[in-house]
C-alpha cells in the first residue's frame, strides 16, 4: 500500500541525487506528485510501504513526514 509523504533532503544534496531518489520512487511502484526544488530540497510522493523503509535509513534525507493539509488561524 502507498501513502503520501513529503521527502526533504539535507542541504548538501545535489539536484542529481534528488532526481535519482525521485526516479527510484517511481520505479518502485510509487509516484512523485510534486517537486519542491525552489522552496526546499525535496518532493511529495505516494510511496509504497516497503520502499519507505529503505528511504528512512538514507543519510542524505533530512526527514520524511506524512503529506497532508495544513491550515492556519488568525488570532
N, C-alpha and C. Protein backbone atom coordinates (compact mmCIF):
# COMPACT_ATOMS: atom_id res chain seq x y z
N UNK A 1 0.84 -1.18 0.00
CA UNK A 1 0.00 0.00 0.00
C UNK A 1 0.89 1.25 0.00
N UNK A 2 0.48 2.28 -0.72
CA UNK A 2 1.23 3.53 -0.79
C UNK A 2 0.53 4.61 0.01
N UNK A 3 1.32 5.38 0.72
CA UNK A 3 0.83 6.54 1.46
C UNK A 3 1.54 7.77 0.91
N UNK A 4 0.97 8.94 1.16
CA UNK A 4 1.57 10.18 0.66
C UNK A 4 2.51 10.76 1.72
N UNK A 5 3.71 11.14 1.26
CA UNK A 5 4.74 11.68 2.14
C UNK A 5 5.43 12.86 1.47
N UNK A 6 6.08 13.67 2.30
CA UNK A 6 6.99 14.70 1.82
C UNK A 6 8.39 14.27 2.22
N UNK A 7 9.27 14.20 1.26
CA UNK A 7 10.66 13.78 1.48
C UNK A 7 11.54 15.02 1.33
N UNK A 8 12.28 15.35 2.39
CA UNK A 8 13.15 16.53 2.39
C UNK A 8 14.60 16.08 2.55
N UNK A 9 15.44 16.58 1.66
CA UNK A 9 16.85 16.21 1.64
C UNK A 9 17.69 17.24 2.40
N UNK A 10 18.85 16.82 2.84
CA UNK A 10 19.78 17.71 3.51
C UNK A 10 20.32 18.74 2.53
N UNK A 11 20.82 19.84 3.06
CA UNK A 11 21.29 20.96 2.23
C UNK A 11 22.37 20.55 1.23
N UNK A 12 23.22 19.60 1.57
CA UNK A 12 24.32 19.24 0.67
C UNK A 12 23.89 18.32 -0.49
N UNK A 13 22.63 17.90 -0.50
CA UNK A 13 22.15 17.03 -1.58
C UNK A 13 22.13 17.79 -2.90
N UNK A 14 22.59 17.14 -3.95
CA UNK A 14 22.59 17.77 -5.27
C UNK A 14 21.27 17.47 -5.98
N UNK A 15 20.99 18.26 -7.02
CA UNK A 15 19.77 18.03 -7.79
C UNK A 15 19.80 16.65 -8.45
N UNK A 16 20.97 16.21 -8.89
CA UNK A 16 21.08 14.88 -9.49
C UNK A 16 20.73 13.78 -8.49
N UNK A 17 21.16 13.94 -7.24
CA UNK A 17 20.84 12.95 -6.21
C UNK A 17 19.34 12.93 -5.92
N UNK A 18 18.73 14.10 -5.83
CA UNK A 18 17.28 14.17 -5.59
C UNK A 18 16.53 13.54 -6.75
N UNK A 19 16.95 13.82 -7.98
CA UNK A 19 16.33 13.22 -9.16
C UNK A 19 16.44 11.70 -9.12
N UNK A 20 17.59 11.20 -8.68
CA UNK A 20 17.80 9.76 -8.58
C UNK A 20 16.80 9.13 -7.61
N UNK A 21 16.59 9.75 -6.46
CA UNK A 21 15.63 9.22 -5.49
C UNK A 21 14.20 9.32 -6.01
N UNK A 22 13.87 10.41 -6.70
CA UNK A 22 12.54 10.54 -7.30
C UNK A 22 12.31 9.43 -8.32
N UNK A 23 13.31 9.13 -9.12
CA UNK A 23 13.19 8.04 -10.09
C UNK A 23 13.03 6.70 -9.40
N UNK A 24 13.73 6.50 -8.29
CA UNK A 24 13.61 5.25 -7.53
C UNK A 24 12.20 5.08 -6.98
N UNK A 25 11.61 6.18 -6.50
CA UNK A 25 10.22 6.12 -6.01
C UNK A 25 9.31 5.69 -7.14
N UNK A 26 9.46 6.30 -8.30
CA UNK A 26 8.61 5.99 -9.45
C UNK A 26 8.78 4.55 -9.92
N UNK A 27 9.99 4.03 -9.91
CA UNK A 27 10.22 2.67 -10.40
C UNK A 27 9.90 1.62 -9.35
N UNK A 28 9.70 2.03 -8.10
CA UNK A 28 9.36 1.06 -7.04
C UNK A 28 7.86 0.94 -6.84
N UNK A 29 7.08 1.54 -7.73
CA UNK A 29 5.63 1.45 -7.63
C UNK A 29 4.98 2.68 -7.02
N UNK A 30 5.79 3.68 -6.70
CA UNK A 30 5.26 4.93 -6.16
C UNK A 30 5.07 5.95 -7.25
N UNK A 31 4.78 7.18 -6.82
CA UNK A 31 4.54 8.23 -7.78
C UNK A 31 4.89 9.59 -7.16
N UNK A 32 5.86 10.28 -7.75
CA UNK A 32 6.20 11.62 -7.29
C UNK A 32 5.12 12.55 -7.82
N UNK A 33 4.49 13.30 -6.92
CA UNK A 33 3.37 14.16 -7.30
C UNK A 33 3.74 15.63 -7.38
N UNK A 34 4.70 16.08 -6.59
CA UNK A 34 5.15 17.47 -6.62
C UNK A 34 6.64 17.54 -6.33
N UNK A 35 7.29 18.49 -6.98
CA UNK A 35 8.71 18.77 -6.72
C UNK A 35 8.80 20.12 -6.04
N UNK A 36 9.68 20.24 -5.07
CA UNK A 36 9.85 21.48 -4.33
C UNK A 36 11.26 22.02 -4.50
N UNK A 37 11.74 22.09 -5.72
CA UNK A 37 13.11 22.47 -6.00
C UNK A 37 13.43 23.91 -5.57
N UNK A 38 12.47 24.81 -5.60
CA UNK A 38 12.73 26.21 -5.25
C UNK A 38 12.46 26.52 -3.78
N UNK A 39 11.58 25.78 -3.17
CA UNK A 39 11.19 26.04 -1.78
C UNK A 39 12.11 25.31 -0.81
N UNK A 40 12.37 24.06 -1.08
CA UNK A 40 13.26 23.22 -0.28
C UNK A 40 13.75 22.11 -1.17
N UNK A 41 14.66 21.33 -0.68
CA UNK A 41 15.20 20.23 -1.48
C UNK A 41 14.37 18.98 -1.19
N UNK A 42 13.40 18.73 -2.06
CA UNK A 42 12.58 17.56 -1.83
C UNK A 42 11.42 17.42 -2.78
N UNK A 43 10.53 16.48 -2.43
CA UNK A 43 9.36 16.21 -3.25
C UNK A 43 8.27 15.56 -2.41
N UNK A 44 7.05 15.60 -2.94
CA UNK A 44 5.92 14.89 -2.36
C UNK A 44 5.68 13.67 -3.24
N UNK A 45 5.31 12.57 -2.62
CA UNK A 45 5.11 11.35 -3.39
C UNK A 45 4.23 10.36 -2.65
N UNK A 46 3.56 9.52 -3.42
CA UNK A 46 2.93 8.33 -2.88
C UNK A 46 4.02 7.27 -2.88
N UNK A 47 4.36 6.75 -1.71
CA UNK A 47 5.49 5.83 -1.57
C UNK A 47 5.01 4.51 -0.99
N UNK A 48 5.30 3.40 -1.67
CA UNK A 48 4.93 2.10 -1.12
C UNK A 48 5.62 1.87 0.24
N UNK A 49 4.90 1.22 1.14
CA UNK A 49 5.42 0.97 2.48
C UNK A 49 6.78 0.29 2.46
N UNK A 50 6.97 -0.67 1.58
CA UNK A 50 8.23 -1.41 1.54
C UNK A 50 9.39 -0.52 1.12
N UNK A 51 9.15 0.42 0.20
CA UNK A 51 10.22 1.31 -0.23
C UNK A 51 10.46 2.42 0.79
N UNK A 52 9.42 2.84 1.49
CA UNK A 52 9.55 3.86 2.52
C UNK A 52 10.58 3.43 3.57
N UNK A 53 10.56 2.19 3.95
CA UNK A 53 11.51 1.68 4.96
C UNK A 53 12.94 1.87 4.51
N UNK A 54 13.23 1.64 3.24
CA UNK A 54 14.61 1.81 2.76
C UNK A 54 15.00 3.28 2.69
N UNK A 55 14.05 4.17 2.40
CA UNK A 55 14.34 5.61 2.36
C UNK A 55 14.67 6.15 3.75
N UNK A 56 14.01 5.64 4.75
CA UNK A 56 14.17 6.16 6.11
C UNK A 56 15.58 5.97 6.65
N UNK A 57 16.36 5.07 6.09
CA UNK A 57 17.71 4.86 6.57
C UNK A 57 18.78 5.60 5.79
N UNK A 58 18.39 6.42 4.83
CA UNK A 58 19.36 7.11 3.97
C UNK A 58 19.90 8.37 4.65
N UNK A 59 21.22 8.52 4.69
CA UNK A 59 21.87 9.66 5.33
C UNK A 59 21.59 10.99 4.62
N UNK A 60 21.34 10.96 3.33
CA UNK A 60 21.15 12.18 2.56
C UNK A 60 19.76 12.80 2.80
N UNK A 61 18.84 12.03 3.36
CA UNK A 61 17.49 12.51 3.62
C UNK A 61 17.43 13.13 5.01
N UNK A 62 16.94 14.36 5.07
CA UNK A 62 16.82 15.07 6.35
C UNK A 62 15.63 14.53 7.14
N UNK A 63 14.45 14.47 6.49
CA UNK A 63 13.28 13.90 7.15
C UNK A 63 12.21 13.52 6.14
N UNK A 64 11.31 12.66 6.58
CA UNK A 64 10.15 12.25 5.80
C UNK A 64 8.94 12.40 6.71
N UNK A 65 7.92 13.09 6.21
CA UNK A 65 6.73 13.26 7.02
C UNK A 65 5.48 13.01 6.18
N UNK A 66 4.39 12.59 6.82
CA UNK A 66 3.16 12.38 6.08
C UNK A 66 2.69 13.68 5.43
N UNK A 67 2.21 13.57 4.20
CA UNK A 67 1.69 14.73 3.48
C UNK A 67 0.25 14.96 3.92
N UNK A 68 -0.12 16.20 4.08
CA UNK A 68 -1.48 16.50 4.49
C UNK A 68 -1.78 17.98 4.31
N UNK A 69 -2.99 18.34 4.65
CA UNK A 69 -3.44 19.71 4.55
C UNK A 69 -3.05 20.46 5.82
N UNK A 70 -2.50 21.65 5.65
CA UNK A 70 -2.13 22.50 6.78
C UNK A 70 -2.98 23.76 6.71
N UNK A 71 -3.56 24.14 7.83
CA UNK A 71 -4.34 25.36 7.88
C UNK A 71 -3.81 26.27 8.99
N UNK A 72 -4.08 27.54 8.85
CA UNK A 72 -3.69 28.49 9.89
C UNK A 72 -4.91 29.26 10.34
N UNK A 73 -4.86 29.76 11.55
CA UNK A 73 -5.94 30.58 12.09
C UNK A 73 -5.35 31.89 12.56
N UNK A 74 -5.98 32.99 12.17
CA UNK A 74 -5.56 34.30 12.64
C UNK A 74 -6.11 34.52 14.03
N UNK A 75 -5.28 35.08 14.90
CA UNK A 75 -5.76 35.34 16.27
C UNK A 75 -5.80 36.80 16.56
